[in-house]
């Protein structure tokens, strides 16, 4: 019967057939995508909820870590403050400025000596082991500085190693002494 139809009707029927096929295929694709989206939607919401939960746990862990670090930092600061506390270090008897003043007064008449560092350690309540480091322009300046410490009366057992006199100029030195404060 198809062969009995004129060519124009055959084309029309073929065009309607392709149109029906496209509409049916499109409808099936749309229905398939709608069902797939409907079935994937719960998985998406579960994954989103888990992501938010993990993010919240991570934030809580970071905050906890920051709190632990802050607590550790406070502990370290408290220990450092106790170590650096002048009254705890020196028993409130002698201030560090007194040790520094005595060392600088010995240097006052000698411009050729530069003190780079002072380190002291408490031996008894009024006796401190003092180590002075610095630089002297020449041997004479270093020797007069040592004699000034000896004359001061506060420093006893002033030790200046002979190796400090090896250079004639620009001498890096280390002087060890005991400072006795009679208060």
N, C-alpha and C. Protein backbone atom coordinates (compact mmCIF):
# COMPACT_ATOMS: atom_id res chain seq x y z
N UNK A 1 0.81 -1.18 0.00
CA UNK A 1 0.00 0.00 0.00
C UNK A 1 0.87 1.26 0.00
N UNK A 2 2.00 1.17 0.62
CA UNK A 2 2.89 2.30 0.66
C UNK A 2 3.34 2.69 -0.74
N UNK A 3 3.46 1.71 -1.57
CA UNK A 3 3.91 1.98 -2.93
C UNK A 3 2.81 2.62 -3.77
N UNK A 4 1.61 2.53 -3.32
CA UNK A 4 0.51 3.09 -4.10
C UNK A 4 0.33 4.58 -3.84
N UNK A 5 0.99 5.12 -2.81
CA UNK A 5 0.83 6.53 -2.47
C UNK A 5 1.74 7.40 -3.34
N UNK A 6 1.28 8.59 -3.59
CA UNK A 6 2.14 9.49 -4.35
C UNK A 6 3.37 9.89 -3.51
N UNK A 7 4.38 10.37 -4.17
CA UNK A 7 5.67 10.70 -3.56
C UNK A 7 5.51 11.78 -2.49
N UNK A 8 4.69 12.74 -2.71
CA UNK A 8 4.52 13.82 -1.73
C UNK A 8 3.92 13.28 -0.44
N UNK A 9 2.96 12.40 -0.53
CA UNK A 9 2.37 11.82 0.68
C UNK A 9 3.39 10.92 1.38
N UNK A 10 4.20 10.22 0.59
CA UNK A 10 5.23 9.38 1.19
C UNK A 10 6.20 10.25 2.02
N UNK A 11 6.58 11.38 1.47
CA UNK A 11 7.48 12.29 2.20
C UNK A 11 6.80 12.82 3.46
N UNK A 12 5.54 13.16 3.34
CA UNK A 12 4.79 13.66 4.50
C UNK A 12 4.71 12.59 5.58
N UNK A 13 4.42 11.38 5.22
CA UNK A 13 4.34 10.28 6.19
C UNK A 13 5.71 10.03 6.83
N UNK A 14 6.75 10.07 6.01
CA UNK A 14 8.10 9.85 6.53
C UNK A 14 8.48 10.97 7.51
N UNK A 15 8.13 12.20 7.16
CA UNK A 15 8.41 13.34 8.04
C UNK A 15 7.64 13.22 9.35
N UNK A 16 6.37 12.84 9.31
CA UNK A 16 5.58 12.63 10.52
C UNK A 16 6.17 11.50 11.36
N UNK A 17 6.64 10.45 10.70
CA UNK A 17 7.23 9.32 11.41
C UNK A 17 8.49 9.78 12.16
N UNK A 18 9.36 10.51 11.49
CA UNK A 18 10.59 11.00 12.13
C UNK A 18 10.24 11.96 13.27
N UNK A 19 9.25 12.81 13.06
CA UNK A 19 8.82 13.74 14.11
C UNK A 19 8.29 12.98 15.31
N UNK A 20 7.43 11.96 15.08
CA UNK A 20 6.93 11.15 16.19
C UNK A 20 8.07 10.43 16.89
N UNK A 21 9.03 9.92 16.11
CA UNK A 21 10.18 9.22 16.69
C UNK A 21 11.00 10.17 17.56
N UNK A 22 11.25 11.40 17.08
CA UNK A 22 11.99 12.40 17.86
C UNK A 22 11.23 12.80 19.11
N UNK A 23 9.93 12.99 19.00
CA UNK A 23 9.13 13.37 20.17
C UNK A 23 9.15 12.24 21.19
N UNK A 24 8.98 11.01 20.74
CA UNK A 24 8.99 9.87 21.66
C UNK A 24 10.37 9.71 22.30
N UNK A 25 11.43 9.85 21.49
CA UNK A 25 12.80 9.73 22.02
C UNK A 25 13.11 10.85 23.01
N UNK A 26 12.70 12.07 22.66
CA UNK A 26 12.91 13.21 23.57
C UNK A 26 12.15 13.04 24.87
N UNK A 27 10.90 12.55 24.75
CA UNK A 27 10.10 12.33 25.95
C UNK A 27 10.75 11.26 26.83
N UNK A 28 11.23 10.19 26.20
CA UNK A 28 11.89 9.12 26.96
C UNK A 28 13.17 9.65 27.63
N UNK A 29 13.95 10.46 26.91
CA UNK A 29 15.17 11.03 27.47
C UNK A 29 14.84 11.96 28.64
N UNK A 30 13.80 12.80 28.46
CA UNK A 30 13.40 13.70 29.53
C UNK A 30 12.94 12.92 30.76
N UNK A 31 12.13 11.91 30.55
CA UNK A 31 11.65 11.09 31.67
C UNK A 31 12.82 10.38 32.34
N UNK A 32 13.76 9.86 31.54
CA UNK A 32 14.94 9.18 32.11
C UNK A 32 15.77 10.16 32.95
N UNK A 33 16.01 11.35 32.44
CA UNK A 33 16.77 12.36 33.19
C UNK A 33 16.03 12.80 34.45
N UNK A 34 14.74 12.94 34.38
CA UNK A 34 13.96 13.33 35.56
C UNK A 34 14.04 12.25 36.63
N UNK A 35 13.91 10.99 36.22
CA UNK A 35 14.01 9.89 37.18
C UNK A 35 15.42 9.82 37.76
N UNK A 36 16.45 10.00 36.92
CA UNK A 36 17.83 9.97 37.39
C UNK A 36 18.08 11.10 38.39
N UNK A 37 17.60 12.29 38.06
CA UNK A 37 17.78 13.42 38.97
C UNK A 37 17.06 13.17 40.29
N UNK A 38 15.87 12.61 40.19
CA UNK A 38 15.10 12.32 41.40
C UNK A 38 15.82 11.27 42.26
N UNK A 39 16.45 10.29 41.61
CA UNK A 39 17.16 9.25 42.35
C UNK A 39 18.51 9.73 42.89
N UNK A 40 19.14 10.68 42.22
CA UNK A 40 20.44 11.20 42.65
C UNK A 40 20.28 12.27 43.72
N UNK A 41 19.17 12.93 43.77
CA UNK A 41 18.94 14.02 44.71
C UNK A 41 19.19 13.63 46.16
N UNK A 42 18.68 12.52 46.68
CA UNK A 42 18.97 12.16 48.07
C UNK A 42 20.47 11.94 48.31
N UNK A 43 21.16 11.33 47.36
CA UNK A 43 22.60 11.12 47.51
C UNK A 43 23.33 12.46 47.58
N UNK A 44 22.88 13.42 46.78
CA UNK A 44 23.48 14.75 46.79
C UNK A 44 23.30 15.41 48.16
N UNK A 45 22.09 15.34 48.71
CA UNK A 45 21.84 15.96 50.01
C UNK A 45 22.62 15.26 51.12
N UNK A 46 22.76 13.94 51.04
CA UNK A 46 23.56 13.22 52.04
C UNK A 46 25.02 13.63 51.94
N UNK A 47 25.55 13.71 50.72
CA UNK A 47 26.94 14.12 50.53
C UNK A 47 27.16 15.56 51.01
N UNK A 48 26.19 16.43 50.74
CA UNK A 48 26.29 17.81 51.19
C UNK A 48 26.28 17.90 52.71
N UNK A 49 25.42 17.12 53.35
CA UNK A 49 25.36 17.11 54.81
C UNK A 49 26.67 16.57 55.40
N UNK A 50 27.22 15.52 54.81
CA UNK A 50 28.49 14.98 55.28
C UNK A 50 29.62 15.98 55.09
N UNK A 51 29.62 16.69 53.97
CA UNK A 51 30.63 17.70 53.72
C UNK A 51 30.58 18.80 54.78
N UNK A 52 29.38 19.26 55.08
CA UNK A 52 29.22 20.30 56.11
C UNK A 52 29.65 19.78 57.47
N UNK A 53 29.36 18.52 57.78
CA UNK A 53 29.75 17.92 59.05
C UNK A 53 31.27 17.83 59.15
N UNK A 54 31.91 17.37 58.08
CA UNK A 54 33.38 17.28 58.07
C UNK A 54 34.00 18.66 58.20
N UNK A 55 33.42 19.63 57.52
CA UNK A 55 33.92 21.00 57.60
C UNK A 55 33.79 21.54 59.02
N UNK A 56 32.68 21.27 59.67
CA UNK A 56 32.48 21.71 61.06
C UNK A 56 33.46 21.01 61.99
N UNK A 57 33.70 19.72 61.78
CA UNK A 57 34.66 18.99 62.61
C UNK A 57 36.07 19.52 62.41
N UNK A 58 36.41 19.84 61.16
CA UNK A 58 37.73 20.39 60.88
C UNK A 58 37.91 21.74 61.56
N UNK A 59 36.90 22.57 61.50
CA UNK A 59 36.96 23.88 62.15
C UNK A 59 37.08 23.72 63.66
N UNK A 60 36.34 22.78 64.22
CA UNK A 60 36.42 22.54 65.66
C UNK A 60 37.81 22.03 66.04
N UNK A 61 38.38 21.15 65.22
CA UNK A 61 39.72 20.64 65.49
C UNK A 61 40.76 21.76 65.41
N UNK A 62 40.62 22.64 64.43
CA UNK A 62 41.55 23.76 64.32
C UNK A 62 41.42 24.69 65.52
N UNK A 63 40.19 24.96 65.95
CA UNK A 63 39.99 25.81 67.12
C UNK A 63 40.57 25.16 68.36
N UNK A 64 40.40 23.84 68.49
CA UNK A 64 40.95 23.13 69.63
C UNK A 64 42.47 23.19 69.60
N UNK A 65 43.05 23.02 68.41
CA UNK A 65 44.49 23.11 68.27
C UNK A 65 44.98 24.51 68.62
N UNK A 66 44.25 25.53 68.18
CA UNK A 66 44.62 26.91 68.52
C UNK A 66 44.51 27.14 70.02
N UNK A 67 43.50 26.56 70.66
CA UNK A 67 43.36 26.70 72.10
C UNK A 67 44.51 26.02 72.82
N UNK A 68 44.89 24.83 72.34
CA UNK A 68 46.02 24.13 72.96
C UNK A 68 47.29 24.94 72.79
N UNK A 69 47.50 25.46 71.56
CA UNK A 69 48.69 26.27 71.32
C UNK A 69 48.66 27.53 72.18
N UNK A 70 47.51 28.14 72.33
CA UNK A 70 47.40 29.33 73.17
C UNK A 70 47.71 28.99 74.62
N UNK A 71 47.22 27.84 75.09
CA UNK A 71 47.51 27.43 76.47
C UNK A 71 49.00 27.15 76.64
N UNK A 72 49.60 26.49 75.65
CA UNK A 72 51.04 26.23 75.71
C UNK A 72 51.81 27.55 75.68
N UNK A 73 51.37 28.47 74.85
CA UNK A 73 52.04 29.76 74.76
C UNK A 73 51.93 30.52 76.08
N UNK A 74 50.75 30.47 76.70
CA UNK A 74 50.61 31.13 78.00
C UNK A 74 51.54 30.49 79.03
N UNK A 75 51.66 29.17 79.00
CA UNK A 75 52.55 28.48 79.94
C UNK A 75 53.99 28.89 79.70
N UNK A 76 54.40 28.93 78.44
CA UNK A 76 55.77 29.33 78.12
C UNK A 76 56.01 30.77 78.53
N UNK A 77 55.04 31.64 78.28
CA UNK A 77 55.19 33.04 78.66
C UNK A 77 55.28 33.19 80.18
N UNK A 78 54.47 32.43 80.90
CA UNK A 78 54.51 32.49 82.35
C UNK A 78 55.88 32.02 82.86
N UNK A 79 56.39 30.92 82.29
CA UNK A 79 57.71 30.43 82.70
C UNK A 79 58.80 31.44 82.36
N UNK A 80 58.70 32.04 81.18
CA UNK A 80 59.70 33.04 80.78
C UNK A 80 59.64 34.26 81.68
N UNK A 81 58.42 34.68 82.02
CA UNK A 81 58.28 35.83 82.91
C UNK A 81 58.90 35.52 84.27
N UNK A 82 58.68 34.30 84.76
CA UNK A 82 59.27 33.92 86.04
C UNK A 82 60.79 33.87 85.96
N UNK A 83 61.30 33.37 84.82
CA UNK A 83 62.75 33.30 84.67
C UNK A 83 63.37 34.68 84.55
N UNK A 84 62.66 35.58 83.86
CA UNK A 84 63.20 36.91 83.63
C UNK A 84 62.88 37.90 84.75
N UNK A 85 62.08 37.48 85.66
CA UNK A 85 61.73 38.37 86.76
C UNK A 85 62.98 38.71 87.56
N UNK A 86 63.26 39.97 87.63
CA UNK A 86 64.47 40.42 88.30
C UNK A 86 64.42 40.09 89.78
N UNK A 87 63.29 40.29 90.39
CA UNK A 87 63.21 40.02 91.82
C UNK A 87 63.35 38.54 92.12
N UNK A 88 62.83 37.67 91.24
CA UNK A 88 62.98 36.24 91.45
C UNK A 88 64.42 35.82 91.16
N UNK A 89 65.02 36.43 90.14
CA UNK A 89 66.38 36.07 89.76
C UNK A 89 67.39 36.49 90.82
N UNK A 90 67.22 37.68 91.32
CA UNK A 90 68.22 38.22 92.23
C UNK A 90 67.75 38.28 93.67
N UNK A 91 66.63 37.72 93.95
CA UNK A 91 66.14 37.70 95.32
C UNK A 91 65.77 39.07 95.83
N UNK A 92 65.62 40.04 94.96
CA UNK A 92 65.22 41.37 95.37
C UNK A 92 66.32 42.16 96.05
N UNK A 93 67.50 41.59 96.20
CA UNK A 93 68.58 42.27 96.91
C UNK A 93 69.37 43.20 95.98
N UNK A 94 69.74 42.68 94.82
CA UNK A 94 70.62 43.41 93.92
C UNK A 94 69.95 43.47 92.56
N UNK A 95 69.95 44.64 91.96
CA UNK A 95 69.33 44.76 90.64
C UNK A 95 70.39 44.58 89.56
N UNK A 96 69.98 44.16 88.38
CA UNK A 96 70.94 44.01 87.28
C UNK A 96 71.61 45.32 86.92
N UNK A 97 70.91 46.42 87.13
CA UNK A 97 71.51 47.71 86.78
C UNK A 97 72.73 48.00 87.67
N UNK A 98 72.73 47.48 88.89
CA UNK A 98 73.90 47.69 89.75
C UNK A 98 75.12 46.97 89.20
N UNK A 99 74.92 45.74 88.73
CA UNK A 99 76.04 44.99 88.13
C UNK A 99 76.55 45.74 86.90
N UNK A 100 75.62 46.20 86.09
CA UNK A 100 75.98 46.94 84.88
C UNK A 100 76.68 48.25 85.22
N UNK A 101 76.17 48.97 86.21
CA UNK A 101 76.78 50.24 86.61
C UNK A 101 78.22 50.04 87.08
N UNK A 102 78.45 48.99 87.85
CA UNK A 102 79.81 48.74 88.36
C UNK A 102 80.76 48.43 87.20
N UNK A 103 80.29 47.63 86.24
CA UNK A 103 81.15 47.31 85.09
C UNK A 103 81.40 48.54 84.24
N UNK A 104 80.38 49.35 84.04
CA UNK A 104 80.55 50.55 83.21
C UNK A 104 81.37 51.62 83.91
N UNK A 105 81.30 51.68 85.23
CA UNK A 105 82.12 52.68 85.94
C UNK A 105 83.60 52.34 85.81
N UNK A 106 83.93 51.06 85.72
CA UNK A 106 85.33 50.68 85.51
C UNK A 106 85.76 51.05 84.09
N UNK A 107 84.84 51.09 83.17
CA UNK A 107 85.14 51.41 81.78
C UNK A 107 85.09 52.92 81.52
N UNK A 108 84.54 53.70 82.44
CA UNK A 108 84.28 55.12 82.22
C UNK A 108 85.52 55.90 81.81
N UNK A 109 86.65 55.61 82.41
CA UNK A 109 87.87 56.36 82.09
C UNK A 109 88.60 55.76 80.89
N UNK A 110 88.05 54.73 80.32
CA UNK A 110 88.74 54.04 79.24
C UNK A 110 87.81 53.94 78.04
N UNK A 111 87.97 54.86 77.10
CA UNK A 111 87.09 54.90 75.93
C UNK A 111 87.45 53.83 74.91
N UNK A 112 88.58 53.17 75.06
CA UNK A 112 89.01 52.17 74.09
C UNK A 112 88.39 50.80 74.30
N UNK A 113 87.48 50.67 75.26
CA UNK A 113 86.86 49.38 75.56
C UNK A 113 85.36 49.48 75.31
N UNK A 114 84.86 48.52 74.57
CA UNK A 114 83.41 48.44 74.32
C UNK A 114 82.91 47.13 74.90
N UNK A 115 81.92 47.21 75.76
CA UNK A 115 81.34 46.00 76.35
C UNK A 115 80.20 45.55 75.45
N UNK A 116 80.29 44.33 74.97
CA UNK A 116 79.27 43.77 74.06
C UNK A 116 78.24 42.94 74.81
N UNK A 117 78.63 42.36 75.94
CA UNK A 117 77.67 41.52 76.65
C UNK A 117 78.07 41.33 78.10
N UNK A 118 77.06 41.18 78.93
CA UNK A 118 77.27 40.88 80.35
C UNK A 118 76.39 39.69 80.69
N UNK A 119 76.99 38.72 81.32
CA UNK A 119 76.25 37.55 81.77
C UNK A 119 76.58 37.35 83.24
N UNK A 120 75.56 37.15 84.05
CA UNK A 120 75.83 36.88 85.45
C UNK A 120 74.99 35.73 85.93
N UNK A 121 75.54 35.07 86.93
CA UNK A 121 74.86 33.92 87.52
C UNK A 121 74.98 34.05 89.03
N UNK A 122 73.90 33.86 89.69
CA UNK A 122 73.88 34.01 91.14
C UNK A 122 74.52 32.79 91.79
N UNK A 123 75.55 33.04 92.60
CA UNK A 123 76.18 31.95 93.34
C UNK A 123 75.60 31.86 94.75
N UNK A 124 75.59 32.97 95.42
CA UNK A 124 74.95 33.05 96.74
C UNK A 124 74.06 34.27 96.72
N UNK A 125 73.57 34.65 97.89
CA UNK A 125 72.63 35.76 97.95
C UNK A 125 73.23 37.06 97.45
N UNK A 126 74.52 37.29 97.73
CA UNK A 126 75.13 38.56 97.34
C UNK A 126 76.36 38.40 96.45
N UNK A 127 76.65 37.18 96.01
CA UNK A 127 77.81 36.94 95.16
C UNK A 127 77.33 36.43 93.80
N UNK A 128 77.84 37.07 92.76
CA UNK A 128 77.46 36.73 91.40
C UNK A 128 78.70 36.43 90.58
N UNK A 129 78.62 35.41 89.72
CA UNK A 129 79.67 35.16 88.75
C UNK A 129 79.33 36.01 87.53
N UNK A 130 80.22 36.92 87.19
CA UNK A 130 79.97 37.86 86.10
C UNK A 130 80.96 37.58 84.97
N UNK A 131 80.45 37.53 83.74
CA UNK A 131 81.30 37.37 82.56
C UNK A 131 81.04 38.55 81.64
N UNK A 132 82.11 39.28 81.35
CA UNK A 132 82.02 40.44 80.46
C UNK A 132 82.66 40.08 79.13
N UNK A 133 81.99 40.36 78.04
CA UNK A 133 82.57 40.16 76.71
C UNK A 133 82.57 41.50 76.00
N UNK A 134 83.57 41.70 75.17
CA UNK A 134 83.62 42.96 74.45
C UNK A 134 84.81 43.05 73.54
N UNK A 135 85.15 44.29 73.21
CA UNK A 135 86.24 44.55 72.29
C UNK A 135 87.04 45.74 72.81
N UNK A 136 88.36 45.57 72.77
CA UNK A 136 89.25 46.66 73.19
C UNK A 136 90.06 47.10 71.98
N UNK A 137 90.35 48.41 71.94
CA UNK A 137 91.12 48.94 70.81
C UNK A 137 92.54 48.40 70.80
N UNK A 138 93.14 48.29 72.01
CA UNK A 138 94.52 47.79 72.09
C UNK A 138 94.74 47.13 73.45
N UNK A 139 95.96 46.61 73.64
CA UNK A 139 96.29 45.89 74.88
C UNK A 139 96.25 46.80 76.10
N UNK A 140 96.75 48.03 75.94
CA UNK A 140 96.78 48.95 77.08
C UNK A 140 95.37 49.27 77.58
N UNK A 141 94.44 49.48 76.65
CA UNK A 141 93.06 49.78 77.04
C UNK A 141 92.45 48.59 77.78
N UNK A 142 92.73 47.38 77.31
CA UNK A 142 92.20 46.18 77.97
C UNK A 142 92.79 46.02 79.36
N UNK A 143 94.09 46.24 79.49
CA UNK A 143 94.74 46.09 80.78
C UNK A 143 94.24 47.15 81.77
N UNK A 144 94.05 48.39 81.32
CA UNK A 144 93.56 49.42 82.24
C UNK A 144 92.10 49.13 82.64
N UNK A 145 91.32 48.54 81.75
CA UNK A 145 89.94 48.15 82.11
C UNK A 145 89.95 47.07 83.18
N UNK A 146 90.83 46.09 83.03
CA UNK A 146 90.95 45.02 84.04
C UNK A 146 91.37 45.60 85.39
N UNK A 147 92.34 46.53 85.36
CA UNK A 147 92.79 47.15 86.61
C UNK A 147 91.67 47.99 87.24
N UNK A 148 90.86 48.63 86.40
CA UNK A 148 89.72 49.39 86.91
C UNK A 148 88.72 48.47 87.61
N UNK A 149 88.51 47.29 87.08
CA UNK A 149 87.62 46.32 87.74
C UNK A 149 88.23 45.86 89.07
N UNK A 150 89.55 45.65 89.08
CA UNK A 150 90.23 45.25 90.32
C UNK A 150 90.09 46.33 91.39
N UNK A 151 90.27 47.60 90.99
CA UNK A 151 90.22 48.72 91.95
C UNK A 151 88.81 48.96 92.48
N UNK A 152 87.81 48.59 91.73
CA UNK A 152 86.42 48.90 92.09
C UNK A 152 86.04 48.35 93.45
N UNK A 153 86.53 47.20 93.81
CA UNK A 153 86.19 46.63 95.11
C UNK A 153 84.97 45.72 95.06
N UNK A 154 84.13 45.91 94.09
CA UNK A 154 82.96 45.05 93.95
C UNK A 154 83.35 43.73 93.29
N UNK A 155 84.28 43.82 92.34
CA UNK A 155 84.68 42.63 91.59
C UNK A 155 85.91 42.00 92.24
N UNK A 156 85.80 40.72 92.54
CA UNK A 156 86.92 39.96 93.08
C UNK A 156 87.26 38.86 92.09
N UNK A 157 88.46 38.37 92.18
CA UNK A 157 88.92 37.27 91.31
C UNK A 157 88.67 37.60 89.84
N UNK A 158 89.18 38.75 89.41
CA UNK A 158 89.03 39.16 88.02
C UNK A 158 90.02 38.36 87.18
N UNK A 159 89.48 37.54 86.26
CA UNK A 159 90.32 36.67 85.43
C UNK A 159 90.27 37.15 83.99
N UNK A 160 91.44 37.51 83.49
CA UNK A 160 91.59 37.92 82.10
C UNK A 160 92.60 36.98 81.47
N UNK A 161 92.17 36.05 80.63
CA UNK A 161 93.10 35.08 80.04
C UNK A 161 94.19 35.77 79.22
N UNK A 162 95.38 35.19 79.26
CA UNK A 162 96.51 35.74 78.52
C UNK A 162 96.24 35.69 77.02
N UNK A 163 95.43 34.73 76.58
CA UNK A 163 95.14 34.62 75.15
C UNK A 163 94.43 35.86 74.62
N UNK A 164 93.82 36.64 75.50
CA UNK A 164 93.17 37.88 75.06
C UNK A 164 94.20 38.92 74.60
N UNK A 165 95.45 38.77 75.05
CA UNK A 165 96.49 39.72 74.67
C UNK A 165 97.25 39.28 73.42
N UNK A 166 96.79 38.25 72.72
CA UNK A 166 97.49 37.74 71.54
C UNK A 166 97.49 38.78 70.42
N UNK A 167 96.40 39.47 70.24
CA UNK A 167 96.33 40.52 69.22
C UNK A 167 96.77 41.85 69.82
N UNK A 168 97.35 42.69 68.97
CA UNK A 168 97.79 43.99 69.45
C UNK A 168 96.65 45.01 69.38
N UNK A 169 95.75 44.86 68.42
CA UNK A 169 94.65 45.80 68.24
C UNK A 169 93.36 45.04 67.99
N UNK A 170 92.24 45.73 68.20
CA UNK A 170 90.91 45.13 68.00
C UNK A 170 90.81 43.77 68.69
N UNK A 171 90.95 43.79 69.99
CA UNK A 171 91.01 42.57 70.79
C UNK A 171 89.60 42.22 71.28
N UNK A 172 89.14 41.04 70.91
CA UNK A 172 87.91 40.51 71.49
C UNK A 172 88.28 39.83 72.79
N UNK A 173 87.61 40.22 73.87
CA UNK A 173 88.00 39.69 75.17
C UNK A 173 86.82 39.10 75.92
N UNK A 174 87.19 38.26 76.90
CA UNK A 174 86.23 37.70 77.86
C UNK A 174 86.88 37.82 79.23
N UNK A 175 86.20 38.51 80.13
CA UNK A 175 86.69 38.67 81.50
C UNK A 175 85.69 38.01 82.44
N UNK A 176 86.21 37.16 83.32
CA UNK A 176 85.36 36.52 84.33
C UNK A 176 85.72 37.10 85.69
N UNK A 177 84.70 37.33 86.50
CA UNK A 177 84.94 37.90 87.83
C UNK A 177 83.80 37.50 88.75
N UNK A 178 84.02 37.72 90.04
CA UNK A 178 82.96 37.54 91.02
C UNK A 178 82.59 38.91 91.54
N UNK A 179 81.31 39.22 91.48
CA UNK A 179 80.83 40.50 92.00
C UNK A 179 80.22 40.24 93.37
N UNK A 180 80.71 40.96 94.37
CA UNK A 180 80.20 40.81 95.73
C UNK A 180 79.54 42.12 96.12
N UNK A 181 78.24 42.05 96.44
CA UNK A 181 77.50 43.23 96.85
C UNK A 181 77.28 43.16 98.35
N UNK A 182 77.70 44.21 99.03
CA UNK A 182 77.61 44.23 100.50
C UNK A 182 76.48 45.15 100.91
N UNK A 183 75.27 44.65 100.88
CA UNK A 183 74.11 45.46 101.27
C UNK A 183 73.56 44.95 102.55
